[in-house]
Amino acid sequence: QLQASGGGLVQAGDSLRLSCAASGGIFSSWTMGWFRQAPGKEREFVARINGSGFRRYYADSVKGRFTISKDNAKKAVYLQMNSLKPEDTAVYYCAADINGRSFDVFGLGTLVTVSS
């Protein structure tokens, strides 16, 4: 079970921090990720972090502005979003790679709206 939170309405240039709490399983072994889906568009990858939290990867569109982090003790993953742009407006989903091959578990999303 994954539950994302922290979305809201902000202005361009603002910051926002999303959180995702996990329950069950061996969280420390999971690669975790964030995805987003803008209105009328397909869901796209945003960022991922490996089980230990030492390897991170970002989509080009958010590189340098977003930071993904993981707290294995709290079974939580975060997405710090800075310098937000209107094109970042989307429903953001956290996801877990539990099968070791792909992101196979997605949580309910949280809406981020960035006004210009």
Protein backbone atom coordinates (compact mmCIF):
# COMPACT_ATOMS: atom_id res chain seq x y z
CA GLN A 1 0.00 0.00 0.00
CA LEU A 2 1.30 3.41 -0.99
CA GLN A 3 -0.23 6.72 -0.02
CA ALA A 4 0.99 10.00 -1.49
CA SER A 5 0.32 13.38 0.08
CA GLY A 6 1.49 16.96 0.01
CA GLY A 7 -0.02 18.23 -3.20
CA GLY A 8 -1.67 21.60 -3.51
CA LEU A 9 -2.01 24.85 -5.39
CA VAL A 10 1.14 26.97 -5.65
CA GLN A 11 2.49 29.74 -7.84
CA ALA A 12 5.23 29.42 -10.39
CA GLY A 13 8.62 29.51 -8.68
CA ASP A 14 7.31 28.09 -5.42
CA SER A 15 8.37 24.85 -3.76
CA LEU A 16 6.41 21.85 -2.62
CA ARG A 17 7.33 18.59 -0.91
CA LEU A 18 5.45 15.40 -1.64
CA SER A 19 5.50 12.44 0.70
CA CYS A 20 4.64 8.82 0.19
CA ALA A 21 4.13 6.37 3.03
CA ALA A 22 4.41 2.64 2.45
CA SER A 23 3.04 -0.23 4.45
CA GLY A 24 3.98 -3.88 4.35
CA GLY A 25 6.90 -5.58 2.65
CA ILE A 26 10.61 -5.01 2.83
CA PHE A 27 10.69 -1.32 2.00
CA SER A 28 14.46 -1.02 2.19
CA SER A 29 14.84 -3.37 -0.76
CA TRP A 30 12.45 -1.52 -3.05
CA THR A 31 13.37 0.94 -5.72
CA MET A 32 10.84 3.75 -5.34
CA GLY A 33 9.73 6.26 -7.91
CA TRP A 34 7.52 9.20 -8.68
CA PHE A 35 5.41 9.52 -11.79
CA ARG A 36 2.98 12.20 -12.91
CA GLN A 37 0.05 12.53 -15.25
CA ALA A 38 -0.99 15.89 -16.62
CA PRO A 39 -4.52 16.50 -17.93
CA GLY A 40 -4.94 14.89 -21.32
CA LYS A 41 -1.50 13.31 -21.26
CA GLU A 42 -0.06 9.90 -20.49
CA ARG A 43 1.61 9.16 -17.21
CA GLU A 44 5.32 9.93 -17.29
CA PHE A 45 8.33 9.07 -15.18
CA VAL A 46 9.67 11.78 -12.88
CA ALA A 47 12.32 10.28 -10.60
CA ARG A 48 13.46 7.08 -8.97
CA ILE A 49 15.72 6.05 -6.09
CA ASN A 50 17.18 2.65 -5.33
CA GLY A 51 16.61 0.64 -2.16
CA SER A 52 19.56 2.00 -0.25
CA GLY A 53 18.86 5.55 -1.37
CA PHE A 54 22.28 6.10 -2.91
CA ARG A 55 21.33 6.02 -6.59
CA ARG A 56 18.88 8.50 -8.04
CA TYR A 57 17.70 9.18 -11.56
CA TYR A 58 15.58 12.03 -12.91
CA ALA A 59 13.65 12.90 -16.00
CA ASP A 60 15.33 15.68 -17.95
CA SER A 61 12.33 17.94 -17.41
CA VAL A 62 12.84 18.03 -13.64
CA LYS A 63 16.60 17.57 -13.30
CA GLY A 64 18.12 20.25 -11.11
CA ARG A 65 14.74 21.28 -9.68
CA PHE A 66 13.38 18.12 -8.06
CA THR A 67 15.05 15.88 -5.48
CA ILE A 68 13.91 12.41 -4.52
CA SER A 69 14.85 10.96 -1.15
CA LYS A 70 14.03 7.89 0.89
CA ASP A 71 13.80 7.15 4.60
CA ASN A 72 13.85 3.40 5.08
CA ALA A 73 13.26 3.66 8.82
CA LYS A 74 10.03 5.54 8.21
CA LYS A 75 9.14 3.59 5.07
CA ALA A 76 8.70 6.83 3.22
CA VAL A 77 9.83 8.44 0.01
CA TYR A 78 9.79 12.15 -0.72
CA LEU A 79 9.89 14.45 -3.70
CA GLN A 80 11.16 17.96 -3.06
CA MET A 81 10.03 20.17 -5.91
CA ASN A 82 11.62 23.59 -6.33
CA SER A 83 11.20 26.28 -8.96
CA LEU A 84 7.87 24.87 -9.96
CA LYS A 85 6.50 25.66 -13.40
CA PRO A 86 2.94 25.58 -14.74
CA GLU A 87 3.93 22.58 -16.86
CA ASP A 88 4.58 20.66 -13.64
CA THR A 89 0.84 20.66 -13.00
CA ALA A 90 -0.25 17.03 -12.74
CA VAL A 91 -1.40 14.27 -10.48
CA TYR A 92 1.72 12.82 -8.89
CA TYR A 93 1.95 9.13 -8.02
CA CYS A 94 4.51 7.26 -6.01
CA ALA A 95 5.39 3.76 -7.12
CA ALA A 96 7.35 0.77 -5.91
CA ASP A 97 9.43 -1.76 -7.81
CA ILE A 98 8.66 -4.82 -5.72
CA ASN A 99 9.14 -7.53 -8.35
CA GLY A 100 12.64 -6.33 -9.14
CA ARG A 101 11.89 -5.72 -12.81
CA SER A 102 9.54 -2.75 -13.07
CA PHE A 103 7.33 -0.41 -11.08
CA ASP A 104 4.47 -2.75 -10.29
CA VAL A 105 2.67 -1.01 -7.43
CA PHE A 106 1.25 2.49 -7.70
CA GLY A 107 -0.41 4.48 -4.98
CA LEU A 108 -3.23 6.96 -5.16
CA GLY A 109 -2.05 10.26 -6.55
CA THR A 110 -1.86 13.74 -5.15
CA LEU A 111 -2.69 16.77 -7.28
CA VAL A 112 -0.15 19.52 -7.82
CA THR A 113 -1.36 22.67 -9.53
CA VAL A 114 1.10 25.41 -10.44
CA SER A 115 -0.40 28.73 -11.47
CA SER A 116 1.46 31.24 -13.63
